Full PDB file with SEQRES, HELIX, SHEET, SSBOND, CRYST1, ORIGX, SCALE, CONECT and MASTER records, all heavy atoms in Angstrom:
SEQRES   1 A   36  SER GLY PRO ASP LEU GLU ALA ALA GLY ARG TYR VAL ALA          
SEQRES   2 A   36  GLN GLU LEU VAL LEU LEU VAL GLN ALA GLY LEU LEU ARG          
SEQRES   3 A   36  ARG HIS ALA PRO GLN GLY LEU ALA ASP ALA                      
HELIX    1 AA1 GLY A    2  ALA A    7  1                                   6    
HELIX    2 AA2 GLY A    9  HIS A   28  1                                  20    
HELIX    3 AA3 GLN A   31  ASP A   35  1                                   5    
CRYST1    1.000    1.000    1.000  90.00  90.00  90.00 P 1           1          
ORIGX1      1.000000  0.000000  0.000000        0.00000                         
ORIGX2      0.000000  1.000000  0.000000        0.00000                         
ORIGX3      0.000000  0.000000  1.000000        0.00000                         
SCALE1      1.000000  0.000000  0.000000        0.00000                         
SCALE2      0.000000  1.000000  0.000000        0.00000                         
SCALE3      0.000000  0.000000  1.000000        0.00000                         
ATOM      1  N   SER A   1      88.154  -3.009 -90.942  1.00  0.00           N  
ATOM      2  CA  SER A   1      87.951  -1.580 -90.692  1.00  0.00           C  
ATOM      3  C   SER A   1      86.523  -1.330 -90.257  1.00  0.00           C  
ATOM      4  O   SER A   1      85.648  -2.203 -90.373  1.00  0.00           O  
ATOM      5  CB  SER A   1      88.274  -0.768 -91.954  1.00  0.00           C  
ATOM      6  OG  SER A   1      87.409  -1.167 -93.015  1.00  0.00           O  
ATOM      7  N   GLY A   2      86.305  -0.129 -89.741  1.00  0.00           N  
ATOM      8  CA  GLY A   2      84.969   0.310 -89.393  1.00  0.00           C  
ATOM      9  C   GLY A   2      84.296  -0.565 -88.349  1.00  0.00           C  
ATOM     10  O   GLY A   2      84.939  -1.071 -87.416  1.00  0.00           O  
ATOM     11  N   PRO A   3      82.986  -0.784 -88.501  1.00  0.00           N  
ATOM     12  CA  PRO A   3      82.239  -1.552 -87.501  1.00  0.00           C  
ATOM     13  C   PRO A   3      82.754  -2.976 -87.316  1.00  0.00           C  
ATOM     14  O   PRO A   3      82.663  -3.526 -86.212  1.00  0.00           O  
ATOM     15  CB  PRO A   3      80.808  -1.549 -88.061  1.00  0.00           C  
ATOM     16  CG  PRO A   3      80.741  -0.359 -88.956  1.00  0.00           C  
ATOM     17  CD  PRO A   3      82.108  -0.228 -89.552  1.00  0.00           C  
ATOM     18  N   ASP A   4      83.279  -3.596 -88.370  1.00  0.00           N  
ATOM     19  CA  ASP A   4      83.768  -4.975 -88.248  1.00  0.00           C  
ATOM     20  C   ASP A   4      84.938  -5.055 -87.273  1.00  0.00           C  
ATOM     21  O   ASP A   4      85.005  -5.962 -86.434  1.00  0.00           O  
ATOM     22  CB  ASP A   4      84.193  -5.515 -89.612  1.00  0.00           C  
ATOM     23  CG  ASP A   4      83.015  -5.719 -90.556  1.00  0.00           C  
ATOM     24  OD1 ASP A   4      81.889  -5.896 -90.043  1.00  0.00           O  
ATOM     25  OD2 ASP A   4      83.220  -5.677 -91.784  1.00  0.00           O  
ATOM     26  N   LEU A   5      85.861  -4.102 -87.386  1.00  0.00           N  
ATOM     27  CA  LEU A   5      87.001  -4.095 -86.477  1.00  0.00           C  
ATOM     28  C   LEU A   5      86.565  -3.723 -85.070  1.00  0.00           C  
ATOM     29  O   LEU A   5      87.001  -4.338 -84.085  1.00  0.00           O  
ATOM     30  CB  LEU A   5      88.067  -3.115 -86.975  1.00  0.00           C  
ATOM     31  CG  LEU A   5      89.323  -2.993 -86.087  1.00  0.00           C  
ATOM     32  CD1 LEU A   5      90.001  -4.338 -85.887  1.00  0.00           C  
ATOM     33  CD2 LEU A   5      90.294  -1.978 -86.678  1.00  0.00           C  
ATOM     34  N   GLU A   6      85.688  -2.733 -84.954  1.00  0.00           N  
ATOM     35  CA  GLU A   6      85.226  -2.324 -83.626  1.00  0.00           C  
ATOM     36  C   GLU A   6      84.534  -3.480 -82.911  1.00  0.00           C  
ATOM     37  O   GLU A   6      84.721  -3.686 -81.710  1.00  0.00           O  
ATOM     38  CB  GLU A   6      84.279  -1.140 -83.757  1.00  0.00           C  
ATOM     39  CG  GLU A   6      83.793  -0.599 -82.423  1.00  0.00           C  
ATOM     40  CD  GLU A   6      82.960   0.663 -82.575  1.00  0.00           C  
ATOM     41  OE1 GLU A   6      83.336   1.533 -83.391  1.00  0.00           O  
ATOM     42  OE2 GLU A   6      81.924   0.765 -81.887  1.00  0.00           O  
ATOM     43  N   ALA A   7      83.729  -4.244 -83.647  1.00  0.00           N  
ATOM     44  CA  ALA A   7      83.023  -5.372 -83.040  1.00  0.00           C  
ATOM     45  C   ALA A   7      83.983  -6.437 -82.532  1.00  0.00           C  
ATOM     46  O   ALA A   7      83.640  -7.208 -81.624  1.00  0.00           O  
ATOM     47  CB  ALA A   7      82.050  -5.988 -84.050  1.00  0.00           C  
ATOM     48  N   ALA A   8      85.187  -6.494 -83.091  1.00  0.00           N  
ATOM     49  CA  ALA A   8      86.181  -7.486 -82.686  1.00  0.00           C  
ATOM     50  C   ALA A   8      87.126  -6.944 -81.626  1.00  0.00           C  
ATOM     51  O   ALA A   8      88.127  -7.598 -81.298  1.00  0.00           O  
ATOM     52  CB  ALA A   8      86.979  -7.949 -83.908  1.00  0.00           C  
ATOM     53  N   GLY A   9      86.848  -5.764 -81.063  1.00  0.00           N  
ATOM     54  CA  GLY A   9      87.777  -5.098 -80.156  1.00  0.00           C  
ATOM     55  C   GLY A   9      88.160  -5.938 -78.954  1.00  0.00           C  
ATOM     56  O   GLY A   9      89.325  -5.951 -78.543  1.00  0.00           O  
ATOM     57  N   ARG A  10      87.202  -6.640 -78.374  1.00  0.00           N  
ATOM     58  CA  ARG A  10      87.514  -7.448 -77.185  1.00  0.00           C  
ATOM     59  C   ARG A  10      88.444  -8.605 -77.544  1.00  0.00           C  
ATOM     60  O   ARG A  10      89.346  -8.938 -76.772  1.00  0.00           O  
ATOM     61  CB  ARG A  10      86.230  -7.964 -76.543  1.00  0.00           C  
ATOM     62  CG  ARG A  10      85.455  -6.888 -75.800  1.00  0.00           C  
ATOM     63  CD  ARG A  10      84.342  -7.455 -74.958  1.00  0.00           C  
ATOM     64  NE  ARG A  10      83.803  -6.420 -74.059  1.00  0.00           N  
ATOM     65  CZ  ARG A  10      83.346  -6.658 -72.849  1.00  0.00           C  
ATOM     66  NH1 ARG A  10      83.338  -7.888 -72.360  1.00  0.00           N  
ATOM     67  NH2 ARG A  10      82.885  -5.678 -72.088  1.00  0.00           N  
ATOM     68  N   TYR A  11      88.215  -9.198 -78.680  1.00  0.00           N  
ATOM     69  CA  TYR A  11      89.080 -10.301 -79.089  1.00  0.00           C  
ATOM     70  C   TYR A  11      90.498  -9.806 -79.352  1.00  0.00           C  
ATOM     71  O   TYR A  11      91.477 -10.460 -78.986  1.00  0.00           O  
ATOM     72  CB  TYR A  11      88.516 -10.974 -80.341  1.00  0.00           C  
ATOM     73  CG  TYR A  11      89.303 -12.183 -80.792  1.00  0.00           C  
ATOM     74  CD1 TYR A  11      89.128 -13.415 -80.164  1.00  0.00           C  
ATOM     75  CD2 TYR A  11      90.238 -12.085 -81.814  1.00  0.00           C  
ATOM     76  CE1 TYR A  11      89.850 -14.525 -80.564  1.00  0.00           C  
ATOM     77  CE2 TYR A  11      90.971 -13.179 -82.215  1.00  0.00           C  
ATOM     78  CZ  TYR A  11      90.774 -14.398 -81.590  1.00  0.00           C  
ATOM     79  OH  TYR A  11      91.517 -15.486 -81.971  1.00  0.00           O  
ATOM     80  N   VAL A  12      90.617  -8.639 -79.972  1.00  0.00           N  
ATOM     81  CA  VAL A  12      91.940  -8.061 -80.228  1.00  0.00           C  
ATOM     82  C   VAL A  12      92.685  -7.841 -78.911  1.00  0.00           C  
ATOM     83  O   VAL A  12      93.860  -8.211 -78.770  1.00  0.00           O  
ATOM     84  CB  VAL A  12      91.806  -6.732 -81.001  1.00  0.00           C  
ATOM     85  CG1 VAL A  12      93.152  -5.988 -81.043  1.00  0.00           C  
ATOM     86  CG2 VAL A  12      91.315  -6.993 -82.415  1.00  0.00           C  
ATOM     87  N   ALA A  13      92.005  -7.233 -77.933  1.00  0.00           N  
ATOM     88  CA  ALA A  13      92.650  -6.975 -76.644  1.00  0.00           C  
ATOM     89  C   ALA A  13      93.049  -8.278 -75.963  1.00  0.00           C  
ATOM     90  O   ALA A  13      94.156  -8.404 -75.423  1.00  0.00           O  
ATOM     91  CB  ALA A  13      91.722  -6.158 -75.745  1.00  0.00           C  
ATOM     92  N   GLN A  14      92.161  -9.253 -75.971  1.00  0.00           N  
ATOM     93  CA  GLN A  14      92.457 -10.546 -75.355  1.00  0.00           C  
ATOM     94  C   GLN A  14      93.677 -11.195 -75.991  1.00  0.00           C  
ATOM     95  O   GLN A  14      94.586 -11.669 -75.293  1.00  0.00           O  
ATOM     96  CB  GLN A  14      91.250 -11.472 -75.513  1.00  0.00           C  
ATOM     97  CG  GLN A  14      91.527 -12.934 -75.152  1.00  0.00           C  
ATOM     98  CD  GLN A  14      90.431 -13.854 -75.624  1.00  0.00           C  
ATOM     99  OE1 GLN A  14      89.343 -13.828 -75.064  1.00  0.00           O  
ATOM    100  NE2 GLN A  14      90.692 -14.655 -76.646  1.00  0.00           N  
ATOM    101  N   GLU A  15      93.722 -11.237 -77.314  1.00  0.00           N  
ATOM    102  CA  GLU A  15      94.831 -11.903 -77.996  1.00  0.00           C  
ATOM    103  C   GLU A  15      96.151 -11.185 -77.763  1.00  0.00           C  
ATOM    104  O   GLU A  15      97.196 -11.824 -77.588  1.00  0.00           O  
ATOM    105  CB  GLU A  15      94.536 -12.011 -79.495  1.00  0.00           C  
ATOM    106  CG  GLU A  15      93.436 -13.000 -79.819  1.00  0.00           C  
ATOM    107  CD  GLU A  15      93.782 -14.409 -79.353  1.00  0.00           C  
ATOM    108  OE1 GLU A  15      94.664 -15.046 -79.949  1.00  0.00           O  
ATOM    109  OE2 GLU A  15      93.178 -14.874 -78.365  1.00  0.00           O  
ATOM    110  N   LEU A  16      96.115  -9.872 -77.756  1.00  0.00           N  
ATOM    111  CA  LEU A  16      97.337  -9.122 -77.463  1.00  0.00           C  
ATOM    112  C   LEU A  16      97.895  -9.494 -76.094  1.00  0.00           C  
ATOM    113  O   LEU A  16      99.085  -9.776 -75.941  1.00  0.00           O  
ATOM    114  CB  LEU A  16      97.060  -7.616 -77.513  1.00  0.00           C  
ATOM    115  CG  LEU A  16      97.263  -6.884 -78.836  1.00  0.00           C  
ATOM    116  CD1 LEU A  16      96.855  -5.426 -78.685  1.00  0.00           C  
ATOM    117  CD2 LEU A  16      98.706  -6.987 -79.318  1.00  0.00           C  
ATOM    118  N   VAL A  17      97.025  -9.494 -75.100  1.00  0.00           N  
ATOM    119  CA  VAL A  17      97.471  -9.770 -73.738  1.00  0.00           C  
ATOM    120  C   VAL A  17      97.968 -11.204 -73.611  1.00  0.00           C  
ATOM    121  O   VAL A  17      99.036 -11.458 -73.037  1.00  0.00           O  
ATOM    122  CB  VAL A  17      96.349  -9.491 -72.725  1.00  0.00           C  
ATOM    123  CG1 VAL A  17      96.762  -9.944 -71.323  1.00  0.00           C  
ATOM    124  CG2 VAL A  17      96.028  -8.004 -72.703  1.00  0.00           C  
ATOM    125  N   LEU A  18      97.234 -12.162 -74.145  1.00  0.00           N  
ATOM    126  CA  LEU A  18      97.648 -13.559 -74.016  1.00  0.00           C  
ATOM    127  C   LEU A  18      98.973 -13.823 -74.717  1.00  0.00           C  
ATOM    128  O   LEU A  18      99.819 -14.570 -74.209  1.00  0.00           O  
ATOM    129  CB  LEU A  18      96.560 -14.483 -74.564  1.00  0.00           C  
ATOM    130  CG  LEU A  18      95.308 -14.642 -73.701  1.00  0.00           C  
ATOM    131  CD1 LEU A  18      94.263 -15.481 -74.415  1.00  0.00           C  
ATOM    132  CD2 LEU A  18      95.663 -15.282 -72.352  1.00  0.00           C  
ATOM    133  N   LEU A  19      99.179 -13.221 -75.874  1.00  0.00           N  
ATOM    134  CA  LEU A  19     100.453 -13.396 -76.580  1.00  0.00           C  
ATOM    135  C   LEU A  19     101.604 -12.786 -75.785  1.00  0.00           C  
ATOM    136  O   LEU A  19     102.697 -13.374 -75.698  1.00  0.00           O  
ATOM    137  CB  LEU A  19     100.374 -12.775 -77.974  1.00  0.00           C  
ATOM    138  CG  LEU A  19      99.557 -13.567 -79.004  1.00  0.00           C  
ATOM    139  CD1 LEU A  19      99.262 -12.711 -80.226  1.00  0.00           C  
ATOM    140  CD2 LEU A  19     100.302 -14.849 -79.411  1.00  0.00           C  
ATOM    141  N   VAL A  20     101.379 -11.612 -75.214  1.00  0.00           N  
ATOM    142  CA  VAL A  20     102.432 -10.986 -74.403  1.00  0.00           C  
ATOM    143  C   VAL A  20     102.701 -11.813 -73.151  1.00  0.00           C  
ATOM    144  O   VAL A  20     103.862 -12.052 -72.782  1.00  0.00           O  
ATOM    145  CB  VAL A  20     102.045  -9.542 -74.035  1.00  0.00           C  
ATOM    146  CG1 VAL A  20     102.989  -8.982 -72.974  1.00  0.00           C  
ATOM    147  CG2 VAL A  20     102.068  -8.653 -75.275  1.00  0.00           C  
ATOM    148  N   GLN A  21     101.647 -12.267 -72.482  1.00  0.00           N  
ATOM    149  CA  GLN A  21     101.838 -13.091 -71.287  1.00  0.00           C  
ATOM    150  C   GLN A  21     102.571 -14.386 -71.621  1.00  0.00           C  
ATOM    151  O   GLN A  21     103.476 -14.806 -70.889  1.00  0.00           O  
ATOM    152  CB  GLN A  21     100.483 -13.405 -70.644  1.00  0.00           C  
ATOM    153  CG  GLN A  21      99.854 -12.219 -69.937  1.00  0.00           C  
ATOM    154  CD  GLN A  21      98.511 -12.558 -69.309  1.00  0.00           C  
ATOM    155  OE1 GLN A  21      97.735 -13.351 -69.852  1.00  0.00           O  
ATOM    156  NE2 GLN A  21      98.207 -11.960 -68.170  1.00  0.00           N  
ATOM    157  N   ALA A  22     102.204 -15.010 -72.727  1.00  0.00           N  
ATOM    158  CA  ALA A  22     102.891 -16.242 -73.126  1.00  0.00           C  
ATOM    159  C   ALA A  22     104.371 -15.971 -73.372  1.00  0.00           C  
ATOM    160  O   ALA A  22     105.245 -16.752 -72.953  1.00  0.00           O  
ATOM    161  CB  ALA A  22     102.236 -16.824 -74.375  1.00  0.00           C  
ATOM    162  N   GLY A  23     104.677 -14.854 -74.037  1.00  0.00           N  
ATOM    163  CA  GLY A  23     106.078 -14.516 -74.291  1.00  0.00           C  
ATOM    164  C   GLY A  23     106.858 -14.255 -73.017  1.00  0.00           C  
ATOM    165  O   GLY A  23     107.991 -14.709 -72.860  1.00  0.00           O  
ATOM    166  N   LEU A  24     106.249 -13.522 -72.084  1.00  0.00           N  
ATOM    167  CA  LEU A  24     106.921 -13.237 -70.814  1.00  0.00           C  
ATOM    168  C   LEU A  24     107.195 -14.516 -70.035  1.00  0.00           C  
ATOM    169  O   LEU A  24     108.294 -14.712 -69.494  1.00  0.00           O  
ATOM    170  CB  LEU A  24     106.065 -12.284 -69.979  1.00  0.00           C  
ATOM    171  CG  LEU A  24     105.979 -10.829 -70.454  1.00  0.00           C  
ATOM    172  CD1 LEU A  24     104.908 -10.077 -69.679  1.00  0.00           C  
ATOM    173  CD2 LEU A  24     107.328 -10.134 -70.316  1.00  0.00           C  
ATOM    174  N   LEU A  25     106.207 -15.400 -69.956  1.00  0.00           N  
ATOM    175  CA  LEU A  25     106.394 -16.636 -69.196  1.00  0.00           C  
ATOM    176  C   LEU A  25     107.392 -17.565 -69.887  1.00  0.00           C  
ATOM    177  O   LEU A  25     108.194 -18.221 -69.208  1.00  0.00           O  
ATOM    178  CB  LEU A  25     105.050 -17.341 -69.011  1.00  0.00           C  
ATOM    179  CG  LEU A  25     104.024 -16.599 -68.152  1.00  0.00           C  
ATOM    180  CD1 LEU A  25     102.742 -17.412 -68.024  1.00  0.00           C  
ATOM    181  CD2 LEU A  25     104.574 -16.283 -66.768  1.00  0.00           C  
ATOM    182  N   ARG A  26     107.368 -17.622 -71.205  1.00  0.00           N  
ATOM    183  CA  ARG A  26     108.318 -18.493 -71.909  1.00  0.00           C  
ATOM    184  C   ARG A  26     109.745 -17.992 -71.757  1.00  0.00           C  
ATOM    185  O   ARG A  26     110.693 -18.781 -71.747  1.00  0.00           O  
ATOM    186  CB  ARG A  26     107.943 -18.604 -73.383  1.00  0.00           C  
ATOM    187  CG  ARG A  26     106.618 -19.333 -73.612  1.00  0.00           C  
ATOM    188  CD  ARG A  26     106.278 -19.422 -75.089  1.00  0.00           C  
ATOM    189  NE  ARG A  26     107.109 -20.418 -75.742  1.00  0.00           N  
ATOM    190  CZ  ARG A  26     107.758 -20.244 -76.885  1.00  0.00           C  
ATOM    191  NH1 ARG A  26     107.713 -19.062 -77.495  1.00  0.00           N  
ATOM    192  NH2 ARG A  26     108.460 -21.199 -77.421  1.00  0.00           N  
ATOM    193  N   ARG A  27     109.923 -16.689 -71.620  1.00  0.00           N  
ATOM    194  CA  ARG A  27     111.272 -16.137 -71.430  1.00  0.00           C  
ATOM    195  C   ARG A  27     111.748 -16.261 -69.991  1.00  0.00           C  
ATOM    196  O   ARG A  27     112.942 -16.460 -69.750  1.00  0.00           O  
ATOM    197  CB  ARG A  27     111.307 -14.661 -71.845  1.00  0.00           C  
ATOM    198  CG  ARG A  27     111.354 -14.423 -73.331  1.00  0.00           C  
ATOM    199  CD  ARG A  27     111.879 -13.035 -73.676  1.00  0.00           C  
ATOM    200  NE  ARG A  27     111.167 -11.957 -73.011  1.00  0.00           N  
ATOM    201  CZ  ARG A  27     110.058 -11.396 -73.480  1.00  0.00           C  
ATOM    202  NH1 ARG A  27     109.526 -11.837 -74.601  1.00  0.00           N  
ATOM    203  NH2 ARG A  27     109.474 -10.410 -72.831  1.00  0.00           N  
ATOM    204  N   HIS A  28     110.830 -16.126 -69.028  1.00  0.00           N  
ATOM    205  CA  HIS A  28     111.282 -15.892 -67.659  1.00  0.00           C  
ATOM    206  C   HIS A  28     110.797 -16.897 -66.627  1.00  0.00           C  
ATOM    207  O   HIS A  28     111.392 -16.983 -65.547  1.00  0.00           O  
ATOM    208  CB  HIS A  28     110.841 -14.494 -67.217  1.00  0.00           C  
ATOM    209  CG  HIS A  28     111.283 -13.394 -68.132  1.00  0.00           C  
ATOM    210  ND1 HIS A  28     112.614 -13.152 -68.401  1.00  0.00           N  
ATOM    211  CD2 HIS A  28     110.575 -12.476 -68.847  1.00  0.00           C  
ATOM    212  CE1 HIS A  28     112.711 -12.117 -69.247  1.00  0.00           C  
ATOM    213  NE2 HIS A  28     111.490 -11.700 -69.527  1.00  0.00           N  
ATOM    214  N   ALA A  29     109.742 -17.631 -66.891  1.00  0.00           N  
ATOM    215  CA  ALA A  29     109.216 -18.576 -65.898  1.00  0.00           C  
ATOM    216  C   ALA A  29     109.781 -19.973 -66.138  1.00  0.00           C  
ATOM    217  O   ALA A  29     110.326 -20.252 -67.217  1.00  0.00           O  
ATOM    218  CB  ALA A  29     107.684 -18.606 -65.978  1.00  0.00           C  
ATOM    219  N   PRO A  30     109.678 -20.869 -65.165  1.00  0.00           N  
ATOM    220  CA  PRO A  30     110.097 -22.253 -65.384  1.00  0.00           C  
ATOM    221  C   PRO A  30     109.375 -22.846 -66.593  1.00  0.00           C  
ATOM    222  O   PRO A  30     108.204 -22.538 -66.852  1.00  0.00           O  
ATOM    223  CB  PRO A  30     109.684 -22.958 -64.087  1.00  0.00           C  
ATOM    224  CG  PRO A  30     109.690 -21.877 -63.056  1.00  0.00           C  
ATOM    225  CD  PRO A  30     109.232 -20.647 -63.777  1.00  0.00           C  
ATOM    226  N   GLN A  31     110.067 -23.716 -67.320  1.00  0.00           N  
ATOM    227  CA  GLN A  31     109.520 -24.221 -68.576  1.00  0.00           C  
ATOM    228  C   GLN A  31     108.187 -24.940 -68.371  1.00  0.00           C  
ATOM    229  O   GLN A  31     107.259 -24.788 -69.168  1.00  0.00           O  
ATOM    230  CB  GLN A  31     110.511 -25.162 -69.249  1.00  0.00           C  
ATOM    231  CG  GLN A  31     110.021 -25.673 -70.602  1.00  0.00           C  
ATOM    232  CD  GLN A  31     111.031 -26.536 -71.312  1.00  0.00           C  
ATOM    233  OE1 GLN A  31     112.201 -26.574 -70.935  1.00  0.00           O  
ATOM    234  NE2 GLN A  31     110.592 -27.243 -72.347  1.00  0.00           N  
ATOM    235  N   GLY A  32     108.080 -25.714 -67.294  1.00  0.00           N  
ATOM    236  CA  GLY A  32     106.835 -26.438 -67.058  1.00  0.00           C  
ATOM    237  C   GLY A  32     105.655 -25.507 -66.899  1.00  0.00           C  
ATOM    238  O   GLY A  32     104.553 -25.793 -67.400  1.00  0.00           O  
ATOM    239  N   LEU A  33     105.862 -24.388 -66.223  1.00  0.00           N  
ATOM    240  CA  LEU A  33     104.795 -23.411 -66.033  1.00  0.00           C  
ATOM    241  C   LEU A  33     104.448 -22.731 -67.357  1.00  0.00           C  
ATOM    242  O   LEU A  33     103.262 -22.605 -67.711  1.00  0.00           O  
ATOM    243  CB  LEU A  33     105.233 -22.383 -64.993  1.00  0.00           C  
ATOM    244  CG  LEU A  33     104.185 -21.373 -64.504  1.00  0.00           C  
ATOM    245  CD1 LEU A  33     104.539 -20.911 -63.090  1.00  0.00           C  
ATOM    246  CD2 LEU A  33     104.078 -20.156 -65.415  1.00  0.00           C  
ATOM    247  N   ALA A  34     105.471 -22.324 -68.100  1.00  0.00           N  
ATOM    248  CA  ALA A  34     105.226 -21.657 -69.380  1.00  0.00           C  
ATOM    249  C   ALA A  34     104.538 -22.587 -70.368  1.00  0.00           C  
ATOM    250  O   ALA A  34     103.606 -22.181 -71.084  1.00  0.00           O  
ATOM    251  CB  ALA A  34     106.541 -21.146 -69.956  1.00  0.00           C  
ATOM    252  N   ASP A  35     104.992 -23.832 -70.430  1.00  0.00           N  
ATOM    253  CA  ASP A  35     104.358 -24.801 -71.336  1.00  0.00           C  
ATOM    254  C   ASP A  35     102.890 -25.007 -70.968  1.00  0.00           C  
ATOM    255  O   ASP A  35     102.033 -25.128 -71.843  1.00  0.00           O  
ATOM    256  CB  ASP A  35     105.104 -26.132 -71.288  1.00  0.00           C  
ATOM    257  CG  ASP A  35     106.472 -26.060 -71.954  1.00  0.00           C  
ATOM    258  OD1 ASP A  35     106.745 -25.069 -72.663  1.00  0.00           O  
ATOM    259  OD2 ASP A  35     107.274 -26.995 -71.757  1.00  0.00           O  
ATOM    260  N   ALA A  36     102.613 -25.093 -69.661  1.00  0.00           N  
ATOM    261  CA  ALA A  36     101.234 -25.290 -69.219  1.00  0.00           C  
ATOM    262  C   ALA A  36     100.366 -24.097 -69.607  1.00  0.00           C  
ATOM    263  O   ALA A  36      99.192 -24.260 -69.982  1.00  0.00           O  
ATOM    264  CB  ALA A  36     101.190 -25.503 -67.707  1.00  0.00           C  
TER     265      ALA A  36                                                      
MASTER        0    0    0    3    0    0    0    6  264    1    0    3          
END                                                                             
């Protein structure tokens, strides 16, 4: 909470996006591409 969470804001955004991208590629892209 507070300043500690705010200071981690960029990491939170990055992890959210990478997890969503990984999920999309694992569901819809060729396996070799998703695994890579």
